[in-house]
């Protein structure tokens, strides 16, 4: 069954698991943008534990701005900061060097719209996992979605689809802080490599 889901920056493992299990994804881009959500932030495992990375955005129409119209602010060197943080967190992981060349361009090229950046990055991640999902964008906002699994804001709302407990795997800083759930897909990718897709589909 198709799933309807918001776009997200380097999405959590649970988000990507739902994508792979469905294989038919509709991205919501006509919603009113929600601040402080996974649309513009992700969580990685840094030296001090959970580390939040946030993309600065511009709401061109204030609180009434649609997600598709959200622009990325270039007032900060956020791309350099984020890639430096990602490198620090995962440079010693088994597969960071193997995958980094495919991801670096997203932290060097300027993107005007948040949606373009998020979707480009998600498709790159799917490619690295050798997964093929049918994806499309909404053409208008619909409050309900008959015949579709509606997962919009499911992560924030603690939707059961996202509340699965994923089996532990070896993480870089696990000896310091233990296994941490709910991290960005890149944590699994850099640590599990080619096994990532099967790990997600098995849940």
N, C-alpha and C. Protein backbone atom coordinates (compact mmCIF):
# COMPACT_ATOMS: atom_id res chain seq x y z
N UNK A 1 0.84 -1.19 0.00
CA UNK A 1 0.00 0.00 0.00
C UNK A 1 0.88 1.25 0.00
N UNK A 2 0.52 2.28 -0.77
CA UNK A 2 1.30 3.51 -0.77
C UNK A 2 1.30 4.17 0.61
N UNK A 3 2.37 4.89 0.91
CA UNK A 3 2.39 5.67 2.14
C UNK A 3 2.52 7.15 1.78
N UNK A 4 1.89 7.99 2.58
CA UNK A 4 1.97 9.44 2.44
C UNK A 4 2.79 9.95 3.60
N UNK A 5 3.86 10.66 3.29
CA UNK A 5 4.81 11.04 4.33
C UNK A 5 5.42 12.40 4.02
N UNK A 6 5.84 13.12 5.06
CA UNK A 6 6.49 14.40 4.84
C UNK A 6 7.93 14.18 4.38
N UNK A 7 8.53 15.20 3.80
CA UNK A 7 9.94 15.09 3.45
C UNK A 7 10.76 15.24 4.74
N UNK A 8 11.97 14.73 4.72
CA UNK A 8 12.80 14.80 5.92
C UNK A 8 14.27 14.88 5.52
N UNK A 9 15.05 15.52 6.38
CA UNK A 9 16.49 15.68 6.18
C UNK A 9 17.21 14.49 6.80
N UNK A 10 17.92 13.71 5.97
CA UNK A 10 18.62 12.51 6.44
C UNK A 10 17.72 11.78 7.45
N UNK A 11 16.61 11.23 6.97
CA UNK A 11 15.53 10.72 7.83
C UNK A 11 15.97 9.67 8.84
N UNK A 12 15.16 9.50 9.88
CA UNK A 12 15.43 8.45 10.87
C UNK A 12 15.34 7.06 10.23
N UNK A 13 15.94 6.09 10.88
CA UNK A 13 15.91 4.71 10.42
C UNK A 13 14.47 4.23 10.23
N UNK A 14 13.58 4.56 11.16
CA UNK A 14 12.19 4.12 11.08
C UNK A 14 11.49 4.64 9.84
N UNK A 15 11.78 5.87 9.47
CA UNK A 15 11.21 6.51 8.28
C UNK A 15 11.62 5.74 7.02
N UNK A 16 12.92 5.45 6.92
CA UNK A 16 13.42 4.75 5.75
C UNK A 16 12.92 3.30 5.72
N UNK A 17 12.72 2.70 6.87
CA UNK A 17 12.17 1.35 6.93
C UNK A 17 10.78 1.33 6.33
N UNK A 18 9.95 2.32 6.69
CA UNK A 18 8.60 2.39 6.13
C UNK A 18 8.64 2.58 4.61
N UNK A 19 9.58 3.37 4.13
CA UNK A 19 9.71 3.59 2.70
C UNK A 19 10.02 2.28 1.98
N UNK A 20 10.99 1.53 2.50
CA UNK A 20 11.40 0.31 1.83
C UNK A 20 10.32 -0.76 1.91
N UNK A 21 9.61 -0.83 3.02
CA UNK A 21 8.57 -1.85 3.16
C UNK A 21 7.39 -1.56 2.25
N UNK A 22 7.12 -0.30 1.97
CA UNK A 22 6.02 0.07 1.09
C UNK A 22 6.45 0.01 -0.38
N UNK A 23 7.52 0.72 -0.69
CA UNK A 23 7.99 0.77 -2.06
C UNK A 23 7.24 1.75 -2.93
N UNK A 24 6.20 2.38 -2.38
CA UNK A 24 5.36 3.33 -3.13
C UNK A 24 5.14 4.54 -2.23
N UNK A 25 5.85 5.62 -2.52
CA UNK A 25 5.91 6.75 -1.60
C UNK A 25 5.31 8.01 -2.22
N UNK A 26 4.46 8.68 -1.44
CA UNK A 26 3.93 9.99 -1.83
C UNK A 26 4.45 10.99 -0.80
N UNK A 27 5.20 11.97 -1.26
CA UNK A 27 5.75 12.99 -0.36
C UNK A 27 4.79 14.18 -0.29
N UNK A 28 4.42 14.56 0.92
CA UNK A 28 3.54 15.70 1.14
C UNK A 28 4.33 17.00 1.04
N UNK A 29 3.99 17.84 0.07
CA UNK A 29 4.69 19.12 -0.09
C UNK A 29 3.73 20.31 -0.05
N UNK A 30 2.43 20.04 0.07
CA UNK A 30 1.45 21.12 0.10
C UNK A 30 0.90 21.39 1.50
N UNK A 31 1.50 20.79 2.49
CA UNK A 31 1.13 21.07 3.87
C UNK A 31 1.70 22.42 4.29
N UNK A 32 1.12 23.02 5.33
CA UNK A 32 1.74 24.19 5.94
C UNK A 32 2.96 23.71 6.71
N UNK A 33 4.08 24.34 6.46
CA UNK A 33 5.35 23.89 7.03
C UNK A 33 5.32 23.87 8.55
N UNK A 34 5.82 22.78 9.12
CA UNK A 34 5.91 22.64 10.58
C UNK A 34 7.35 22.87 11.01
N UNK A 35 7.57 23.81 11.88
CA UNK A 35 8.93 24.05 12.36
C UNK A 35 9.31 23.01 13.40
N UNK A 36 10.60 22.95 13.68
CA UNK A 36 11.17 22.04 14.67
C UNK A 36 10.74 20.59 14.41
N UNK A 37 10.87 20.15 13.17
CA UNK A 37 10.51 18.79 12.81
C UNK A 37 11.64 18.17 12.00
N UNK A 38 11.46 16.92 11.62
CA UNK A 38 12.49 16.23 10.84
C UNK A 38 12.58 16.77 9.42
N UNK A 39 11.70 17.69 9.05
CA UNK A 39 11.77 18.28 7.73
C UNK A 39 13.11 19.02 7.53
N UNK A 40 13.62 19.61 8.59
CA UNK A 40 14.89 20.33 8.44
C UNK A 40 15.92 19.99 9.52
N UNK A 41 15.72 18.89 10.23
CA UNK A 41 16.79 18.48 11.14
C UNK A 41 16.92 16.96 11.19
N UNK A 42 18.08 16.52 11.60
CA UNK A 42 18.33 15.09 11.77
C UNK A 42 19.11 14.89 13.05
N UNK A 43 19.18 13.63 13.49
CA UNK A 43 19.91 13.28 14.70
C UNK A 43 20.99 12.27 14.35
N UNK A 44 22.23 12.60 14.65
CA UNK A 44 23.33 11.66 14.43
C UNK A 44 23.93 11.28 15.79
N UNK A 45 24.88 10.34 15.76
CA UNK A 45 25.53 9.88 16.99
C UNK A 45 26.93 10.48 17.02
N UNK A 46 27.07 11.58 17.76
CA UNK A 46 28.35 12.25 17.87
C UNK A 46 29.15 11.76 19.07
N UNK A 47 30.32 12.31 19.29
CA UNK A 47 31.18 11.90 20.41
C UNK A 47 30.50 12.05 21.77
N UNK A 48 29.55 12.99 21.87
CA UNK A 48 28.86 13.22 23.15
C UNK A 48 27.46 12.64 23.18
N UNK A 49 27.16 11.76 22.22
CA UNK A 49 25.83 11.15 22.19
C UNK A 49 24.98 11.72 21.06
N UNK A 50 23.66 11.84 21.31
CA UNK A 50 22.75 12.35 20.28
C UNK A 50 23.11 13.79 19.91
N UNK A 51 23.22 14.05 18.62
CA UNK A 51 23.59 15.38 18.14
C UNK A 51 22.62 15.80 17.05
N UNK A 52 22.01 16.95 17.25
CA UNK A 52 21.00 17.46 16.32
C UNK A 52 21.63 18.42 15.32
N UNK A 53 21.36 18.18 14.04
CA UNK A 53 21.81 19.07 12.97
C UNK A 53 20.58 19.71 12.34
N UNK A 54 20.57 21.04 12.26
CA UNK A 54 19.40 21.75 11.76
C UNK A 54 19.74 22.63 10.57
N UNK A 55 18.96 22.53 9.51
CA UNK A 55 19.13 23.38 8.33
C UNK A 55 18.38 24.69 8.56
N UNK A 56 19.04 25.83 8.44
CA UNK A 56 18.34 27.12 8.60
C UNK A 56 17.43 27.37 7.40
N UNK A 57 16.19 27.75 7.65
CA UNK A 57 15.25 27.94 6.55
C UNK A 57 14.60 29.32 6.59
N UNK A 58 14.01 29.68 5.45
CA UNK A 58 13.29 30.95 5.32
C UNK A 58 11.84 30.63 4.97
N UNK A 59 10.92 31.08 5.79
CA UNK A 59 9.49 30.90 5.53
C UNK A 59 9.00 32.15 4.80
N UNK A 60 8.92 32.06 3.49
CA UNK A 60 8.64 33.25 2.67
C UNK A 60 7.27 33.85 2.94
N UNK A 61 6.33 33.03 3.39
CA UNK A 61 5.00 33.52 3.72
C UNK A 61 4.69 33.36 5.21
N UNK A 62 5.72 33.50 6.01
CA UNK A 62 5.53 33.38 7.45
C UNK A 62 5.02 32.00 7.85
N UNK A 63 4.14 31.94 8.82
CA UNK A 63 3.62 30.68 9.33
C UNK A 63 2.66 30.00 8.36
N UNK A 64 2.35 30.65 7.25
CA UNK A 64 1.44 30.08 6.26
C UNK A 64 2.20 29.51 5.06
N UNK A 65 3.52 29.43 5.16
CA UNK A 65 4.33 28.94 4.06
C UNK A 65 4.14 27.44 3.86
N UNK A 66 3.94 27.03 2.61
CA UNK A 66 3.83 25.61 2.30
C UNK A 66 5.22 25.00 2.27
N UNK A 67 5.30 23.72 2.57
CA UNK A 67 6.59 23.04 2.58
C UNK A 67 7.34 23.21 1.27
N UNK A 68 6.64 23.12 0.15
CA UNK A 68 7.30 23.23 -1.16
C UNK A 68 7.92 24.61 -1.39
N UNK A 69 7.51 25.60 -0.63
CA UNK A 69 8.01 26.96 -0.81
C UNK A 69 9.08 27.36 0.20
N UNK A 70 9.40 26.46 1.11
CA UNK A 70 10.43 26.75 2.11
C UNK A 70 11.79 26.84 1.45
N UNK A 71 12.48 27.92 1.69
CA UNK A 71 13.82 28.12 1.12
C UNK A 71 14.89 27.89 2.18
N UNK A 72 16.04 27.49 1.71
CA UNK A 72 17.18 27.29 2.61
C UNK A 72 17.94 28.58 2.75
N UNK A 73 18.22 28.96 3.98
CA UNK A 73 18.98 30.19 4.24
C UNK A 73 20.47 29.93 4.02
N UNK A 74 21.12 30.86 3.34
CA UNK A 74 22.57 30.72 3.13
C UNK A 74 23.36 31.72 3.97
N UNK A 75 22.73 32.21 5.04
CA UNK A 75 23.40 33.17 5.91
C UNK A 75 24.44 32.50 6.81
N UNK A 76 24.34 31.18 6.94
CA UNK A 76 25.30 30.44 7.75
C UNK A 76 25.99 29.41 6.87
N UNK A 77 27.17 29.02 7.27
CA UNK A 77 27.88 27.96 6.53
C UNK A 77 27.44 26.60 7.06
N UNK A 78 26.12 26.39 7.03
CA UNK A 78 25.57 25.19 7.66
C UNK A 78 26.04 23.90 6.98
N UNK A 79 26.23 23.95 5.65
CA UNK A 79 26.65 22.73 4.97
C UNK A 79 28.04 22.27 5.44
N UNK A 80 28.96 23.21 5.55
CA UNK A 80 30.30 22.87 6.04
C UNK A 80 30.24 22.37 7.48
N UNK A 81 29.43 23.04 8.28
CA UNK A 81 29.31 22.66 9.69
C UNK A 81 28.72 21.25 9.81
N UNK A 82 27.67 20.98 9.03
CA UNK A 82 27.01 19.67 9.11
C UNK A 82 27.94 18.56 8.62
N UNK A 83 28.65 18.81 7.50
CA UNK A 83 29.53 17.75 7.00
C UNK A 83 30.69 17.51 7.95
N UNK A 84 31.18 18.57 8.57
CA UNK A 84 32.25 18.41 9.55
C UNK A 84 31.76 17.57 10.73
N UNK A 85 30.53 17.82 11.17
CA UNK A 85 29.96 17.05 12.28
C UNK A 85 29.76 15.59 11.89
N UNK A 86 29.26 15.36 10.67
CA UNK A 86 29.05 14.00 10.19
C UNK A 86 30.39 13.27 10.07
N UNK A 87 31.40 13.95 9.56
CA UNK A 87 32.73 13.34 9.43
C UNK A 87 33.30 12.98 10.79
N UNK A 88 33.15 13.88 11.75
CA UNK A 88 33.66 13.62 13.10
C UNK A 88 32.95 12.42 13.72
N UNK A 89 31.65 12.34 13.47
CA UNK A 89 30.85 11.26 14.06
C UNK A 89 31.15 9.90 13.43
N UNK A 90 31.39 9.88 12.12
CA UNK A 90 31.43 8.59 11.42
C UNK A 90 32.73 8.27 10.69
N UNK A 91 33.73 9.10 10.81
CA UNK A 91 34.99 8.83 10.12
C UNK A 91 35.58 7.47 10.47
N UNK A 92 35.32 7.01 11.69
CA UNK A 92 35.86 5.72 12.11
C UNK A 92 34.88 4.56 11.94
N UNK A 93 33.75 4.83 11.30
CA UNK A 93 32.78 3.75 11.04
C UNK A 93 33.27 2.92 9.85
N UNK A 94 32.81 1.69 9.74
CA UNK A 94 33.34 0.79 8.70
C UNK A 94 33.12 1.24 7.26
N UNK A 95 32.01 1.99 7.00
CA UNK A 95 31.66 2.28 5.62
C UNK A 95 31.59 3.76 5.27
N UNK A 96 32.07 4.62 6.15
CA UNK A 96 32.02 6.06 5.87
C UNK A 96 32.80 6.41 4.60
N UNK A 97 34.03 5.94 4.51
CA UNK A 97 34.86 6.26 3.35
C UNK A 97 34.28 5.67 2.06
N UNK A 98 33.55 4.59 2.19
CA UNK A 98 32.96 3.92 1.03
C UNK A 98 31.82 4.73 0.44
N UNK A 99 31.06 5.43 1.29
CA UNK A 99 29.87 6.14 0.83
C UNK A 99 30.02 7.66 0.75
N UNK A 100 31.04 8.21 1.35
CA UNK A 100 31.10 9.66 1.50
C UNK A 100 31.08 10.42 0.17
N UNK A 101 31.70 9.89 -0.86
CA UNK A 101 31.79 10.62 -2.13
C UNK A 101 30.41 10.85 -2.76
N UNK A 102 29.45 9.99 -2.47
CA UNK A 102 28.10 10.15 -3.01
C UNK A 102 27.30 11.19 -2.24
N UNK A 103 27.71 11.48 -1.02
CA UNK A 103 26.94 12.40 -0.17
C UNK A 103 27.55 13.79 -0.09
N UNK A 104 28.86 13.90 -0.24
CA UNK A 104 29.53 15.19 -0.13
C UNK A 104 28.93 16.26 -1.03
N UNK A 105 28.55 15.96 -2.28
CA UNK A 105 28.01 17.02 -3.15
C UNK A 105 26.80 17.75 -2.57
N UNK A 106 26.02 17.08 -1.73
CA UNK A 106 24.87 17.72 -1.12
C UNK A 106 25.28 18.76 -0.08
N UNK A 107 26.52 18.71 0.34
CA UNK A 107 27.02 19.65 1.33
C UNK A 107 28.01 20.64 0.71
N UNK A 108 28.06 20.65 -0.61
CA UNK A 108 28.90 21.60 -1.33
C UNK A 108 28.07 22.47 -2.29
N UNK A 109 27.09 21.87 -2.94
CA UNK A 109 26.25 22.59 -3.89
C UNK A 109 25.16 23.37 -3.15
N UNK A 110 24.87 24.56 -3.62
CA UNK A 110 23.81 25.37 -3.00
C UNK A 110 22.45 24.91 -3.50
N UNK A 111 21.53 24.71 -2.59
CA UNK A 111 20.15 24.37 -2.92
C UNK A 111 19.25 25.51 -2.47
N UNK A 112 18.31 25.89 -3.32
CA UNK A 112 17.41 26.98 -2.97
C UNK A 112 16.24 26.51 -2.11
N UNK A 113 15.66 25.36 -2.46
CA UNK A 113 14.47 24.88 -1.76
C UNK A 113 14.79 23.66 -0.90
N UNK A 114 14.24 23.64 0.30
CA UNK A 114 14.45 22.54 1.23
C UNK A 114 13.94 21.22 0.65
N UNK A 115 12.79 21.26 -0.02
CA UNK A 115 12.23 20.04 -0.59
C UNK A 115 13.16 19.42 -1.61
N UNK A 116 13.76 20.24 -2.47
CA UNK A 116 14.69 19.72 -3.48
C UNK A 116 15.89 19.05 -2.81
N UNK A 117 16.41 19.68 -1.78
CA UNK A 117 17.56 19.14 -1.06
C UNK A 117 17.20 17.80 -0.41
N UNK A 118 16.09 17.78 0.34
CA UNK A 118 15.68 16.57 1.05
C UNK A 118 15.43 15.40 0.10
N UNK A 119 14.69 15.68 -0.97
CA UNK A 119 14.33 14.60 -1.89
C UNK A 119 15.55 14.09 -2.65
N UNK A 120 16.43 15.00 -3.03
CA UNK A 120 17.65 14.58 -3.71
C UNK A 120 18.49 13.69 -2.83
N UNK A 121 18.58 14.05 -1.57
CA UNK A 121 19.38 13.28 -0.62
C UNK A 121 18.75 11.92 -0.35
N UNK A 122 17.43 11.87 -0.23
CA UNK A 122 16.74 10.59 0.01
C UNK A 122 16.95 9.65 -1.18
N UNK A 123 16.83 10.18 -2.39
CA UNK A 123 17.04 9.33 -3.56
C UNK A 123 18.49 8.83 -3.63
N UNK A 124 19.43 9.67 -3.23
CA UNK A 124 20.83 9.24 -3.19
C UNK A 124 21.02 8.11 -2.18
N UNK A 125 20.38 8.22 -1.03
CA UNK A 125 20.47 7.18 0.00
C UNK A 125 19.85 5.87 -0.49
N UNK A 126 18.71 5.97 -1.17
CA UNK A 126 18.09 4.77 -1.73
C UNK A 126 19.03 4.10 -2.73
N UNK A 127 19.70 4.92 -3.53
CA UNK A 127 20.65 4.39 -4.49
C UNK A 127 21.81 3.67 -3.83
N UNK A 128 22.31 4.24 -2.74
CA UNK A 128 23.42 3.62 -2.02
C UNK A 128 23.02 2.27 -1.42
N UNK A 129 21.73 2.14 -1.10
CA UNK A 129 21.23 0.88 -0.55
C UNK A 129 20.71 -0.06 -1.63
N UNK A 130 20.83 0.38 -2.89
CA UNK A 130 20.37 -0.41 -4.04
C UNK A 130 18.88 -0.74 -3.91
N UNK A 131 18.12 0.26 -3.48
CA UNK A 131 16.67 0.10 -3.32
C UNK A 131 15.94 0.98 -4.33
N UNK A 132 14.87 0.47 -4.85
CA UNK A 132 14.10 1.20 -5.84
C UNK A 132 12.67 1.38 -5.34
N UNK A 133 12.30 2.61 -5.07
CA UNK A 133 10.94 2.92 -4.63
C UNK A 133 10.29 3.86 -5.64
N UNK A 134 9.01 3.66 -5.88
CA UNK A 134 8.26 4.60 -6.71
C UNK A 134 7.94 5.81 -5.84
N UNK A 135 8.31 7.00 -6.30
CA UNK A 135 8.07 8.21 -5.51
C UNK A 135 7.36 9.26 -6.35
N UNK A 136 6.50 10.02 -5.69
CA UNK A 136 5.83 11.14 -6.34
C UNK A 136 5.45 12.16 -5.28
N UNK A 137 5.08 13.35 -5.73
CA UNK A 137 4.73 14.43 -4.82
C UNK A 137 3.22 14.66 -4.84
N UNK A 138 2.69 15.16 -3.73
CA UNK A 138 1.28 15.54 -3.72
C UNK A 138 1.08 16.73 -4.64
N UNK A 139 -0.13 16.89 -5.15
CA UNK A 139 -0.46 18.00 -6.04
C UNK A 139 -1.36 19.01 -5.37
N UNK A 140 -1.86 18.67 -4.21
CA UNK A 140 -2.65 19.57 -3.38
C UNK A 140 -2.74 18.95 -1.98
N UNK A 141 -3.20 19.74 -1.02
CA UNK A 141 -3.31 19.20 0.34
C UNK A 141 -4.66 18.55 0.55
N UNK A 142 -4.65 17.33 1.05
CA UNK A 142 -5.87 16.61 1.40
C UNK A 142 -5.78 16.22 2.86
N UNK A 143 -6.80 16.55 3.63
CA UNK A 143 -6.78 16.26 5.07
C UNK A 143 -6.76 14.77 5.34
N UNK A 144 -7.49 14.00 4.53
CA UNK A 144 -7.52 12.55 4.67
C UNK A 144 -6.97 11.92 3.39
N UNK A 145 -6.55 10.68 3.51
CA UNK A 145 -5.94 10.00 2.35
C UNK A 145 -6.49 8.59 2.25
N UNK A 146 -7.71 8.42 1.71
CA UNK A 146 -8.31 7.07 1.58
C UNK A 146 -7.45 6.14 0.73
N UNK A 147 -7.30 4.91 1.20
CA UNK A 147 -6.55 3.92 0.45
C UNK A 147 -5.04 4.08 0.55
N UNK A 148 -4.60 4.99 1.39
CA UNK A 148 -3.18 5.28 1.55
C UNK A 148 -2.84 5.27 3.04
N UNK A 149 -1.71 4.73 3.40
CA UNK A 149 -1.27 4.79 4.79
C UNK A 149 -0.70 6.18 5.06
N UNK A 150 -1.41 6.96 5.85
CA UNK A 150 -1.03 8.35 6.11
C UNK A 150 -0.07 8.42 7.30
N UNK A 151 1.18 8.70 7.00
CA UNK A 151 2.21 8.77 8.04
C UNK A 151 2.71 10.19 8.25
N UNK A 152 1.97 11.16 7.75
CA UNK A 152 2.39 12.55 7.94
C UNK A 152 2.48 12.88 9.43
N UNK A 153 3.63 13.39 9.83
CA UNK A 153 3.90 13.74 11.23
C UNK A 153 3.84 12.53 12.17
N UNK A 154 3.94 11.34 11.59
CA UNK A 154 3.86 10.14 12.42
C UNK A 154 4.99 10.01 13.42
N UNK A 155 6.17 10.48 13.05
CA UNK A 155 7.32 10.38 13.96
C UNK A 155 7.08 11.24 15.19
N UNK A 156 6.62 12.47 14.95
CA UNK A 156 6.38 13.40 16.06
C UNK A 156 5.22 12.94 16.93
N UNK A 157 4.18 12.37 16.28
CA UNK A 157 2.98 11.97 17.00
C UNK A 157 3.09 10.57 17.63
N UNK A 158 4.29 9.99 17.57
CA UNK A 158 4.51 8.64 18.11
C UNK A 158 3.59 7.61 17.48
N UNK A 159 3.39 7.73 16.17
CA UNK A 159 2.59 6.76 15.42
C UNK A 159 3.23 5.38 15.60
N UNK A 160 2.40 4.33 15.84
CA UNK A 160 2.95 2.98 16.03
C UNK A 160 3.86 2.52 14.89
N UNK A 161 3.60 3.02 13.66
CA UNK A 161 4.46 2.64 12.54
C UNK A 161 5.92 3.01 12.80
N UNK A 162 6.12 4.07 13.59
CA UNK A 162 7.48 4.56 13.80
C UNK A 162 8.07 4.15 15.15
N UNK A 163 7.28 3.47 15.96
CA UNK A 163 7.72 3.18 17.31
C UNK A 163 8.33 1.79 17.46
N UNK A 164 8.76 1.22 16.35
CA UNK A 164 9.41 -0.08 16.41
C UNK A 164 10.74 0.03 17.15
N UNK A 165 11.10 -1.04 17.80
CA UNK A 165 12.42 -1.09 18.43
C UNK A 165 13.35 -1.87 17.50
N UNK A 166 14.37 -1.20 17.02
CA UNK A 166 15.28 -1.83 16.08
C UNK A 166 16.41 -2.55 16.82
N UNK A 167 16.81 -3.72 16.33
CA UNK A 167 17.88 -4.47 16.98
C UNK A 167 19.18 -3.67 17.01
N UNK A 168 19.95 -3.79 18.07
CA UNK A 168 21.23 -3.07 18.15
C UNK A 168 22.22 -3.55 17.09
N UNK A 169 23.06 -2.65 16.68
CA UNK A 169 24.22 -2.97 15.84
C UNK A 169 25.37 -2.16 16.42
N UNK A 170 26.57 -2.42 15.98
CA UNK A 170 27.73 -1.74 16.54
C UNK A 170 27.76 -0.29 16.04
N UNK A 171 27.78 0.66 16.98
CA UNK A 171 27.89 2.08 16.67
C UNK A 171 29.25 2.59 17.15
N UNK A 172 29.74 3.63 16.49
CA UNK A 172 31.10 4.11 16.75
C UNK A 172 31.32 4.45 18.22
N UNK A 173 30.40 5.19 18.81
CA UNK A 173 30.60 5.65 20.19
C UNK A 173 29.77 4.84 21.19
N UNK A 174 29.35 3.66 20.78
CA UNK A 174 28.57 2.79 21.67
C UNK A 174 29.29 2.48 22.98
N UNK A 175 30.63 2.27 22.97
CA UNK A 175 31.30 2.00 24.25
C UNK A 175 31.14 3.13 25.26
N UNK A 176 30.92 4.36 24.79
CA UNK A 176 30.76 5.50 25.70
C UNK A 176 29.32 5.68 26.17
N UNK A 177 28.38 5.54 25.24
CA UNK A 177 26.99 5.93 25.54
C UNK A 177 25.97 4.83 25.31
N UNK A 178 26.40 3.64 24.88
CA UNK A 178 25.47 2.57 24.61
C UNK A 178 24.80 2.71 23.25
N UNK A 179 23.96 1.75 22.91
CA UNK A 179 23.26 1.80 21.63
C UNK A 179 22.16 2.85 21.69
N UNK A 180 22.07 3.70 20.67
CA UNK A 180 21.06 4.75 20.62
C UNK A 180 20.09 4.48 19.48
N UNK A 181 18.81 4.45 19.80
CA UNK A 181 17.76 4.26 18.81
C UNK A 181 17.37 5.60 18.17
N UNK A 182 16.64 5.53 17.07
CA UNK A 182 16.00 6.71 16.49
C UNK A 182 16.93 7.67 15.78
N UNK A 183 18.08 7.21 15.33
CA UNK A 183 19.03 8.10 14.67
C UNK A 183 18.78 8.16 13.16
N UNK A 184 19.49 9.07 12.51
CA UNK A 184 19.42 9.20 11.07
C UNK A 184 19.84 7.91 10.38
N UNK A 185 19.30 7.69 9.20
CA UNK A 185 19.64 6.52 8.40
C UNK A 185 21.14 6.42 8.15
N UNK A 186 21.85 7.54 8.13
CA UNK A 186 23.28 7.45 7.85
C UNK A 186 24.03 6.73 8.96
N UNK A 187 23.48 6.70 10.17
CA UNK A 187 24.13 5.95 11.25
C UNK A 187 24.14 4.47 10.91
N UNK A 188 23.01 3.96 10.44
CA UNK A 188 22.94 2.55 10.04
C UNK A 188 23.78 2.32 8.79
N UNK A 189 23.68 3.22 7.83
CA UNK A 189 24.40 3.04 6.56
C UNK A 189 25.91 2.98 6.76
N UNK A 190 26.44 3.92 7.54
CA UNK A 190 27.89 3.95 7.75
C UNK A 190 28.39 2.79 8.60
N UNK A 191 27.50 2.23 9.43
CA UNK A 191 27.92 1.13 10.29
C UNK A 191 27.61 -0.25 9.73
N UNK A 192 26.53 -0.35 8.93
CA UNK A 192 26.11 -1.65 8.40
C UNK A 192 26.45 -1.85 6.93
N UNK A 193 26.64 -0.74 6.22
CA UNK A 193 26.99 -0.84 4.81
C UNK A 193 25.95 -1.57 3.98
N UNK A 194 26.37 -2.53 3.15
CA UNK A 194 25.46 -3.24 2.25
C UNK A 194 24.33 -4.00 2.96
N UNK A 195 24.46 -4.20 4.26
CA UNK A 195 23.42 -4.92 5.01
C UNK A 195 22.28 -4.00 5.44
N UNK A 196 22.41 -2.70 5.19
CA UNK A 196 21.44 -1.73 5.70
C UNK A 196 20.02 -2.00 5.20
N UNK A 197 19.87 -2.22 3.91
CA UNK A 197 18.52 -2.43 3.34
C UNK A 197 17.83 -3.64 3.98
N UNK A 198 18.55 -4.73 4.10
CA UNK A 198 17.93 -5.93 4.71
C UNK A 198 17.60 -5.69 6.17
N UNK A 199 18.44 -4.94 6.86
CA UNK A 199 18.18 -4.59 8.26
C UNK A 199 16.87 -3.82 8.36
N UNK A 200 16.64 -2.86 7.45
CA UNK A 200 15.42 -2.07 7.49
C UNK A 200 14.19 -2.89 7.12
N UNK A 201 14.33 -3.74 6.13
CA UNK A 201 13.19 -4.53 5.66
C UNK A 201 12.79 -5.62 6.65
N UNK A 202 13.71 -6.02 7.51
CA UNK A 202 13.43 -7.10 8.45
C UNK A 202 12.60 -6.66 9.64
N UNK A 203 12.40 -5.36 9.78
CA UNK A 203 11.70 -4.88 10.98
C UNK A 203 10.19 -4.99 10.81
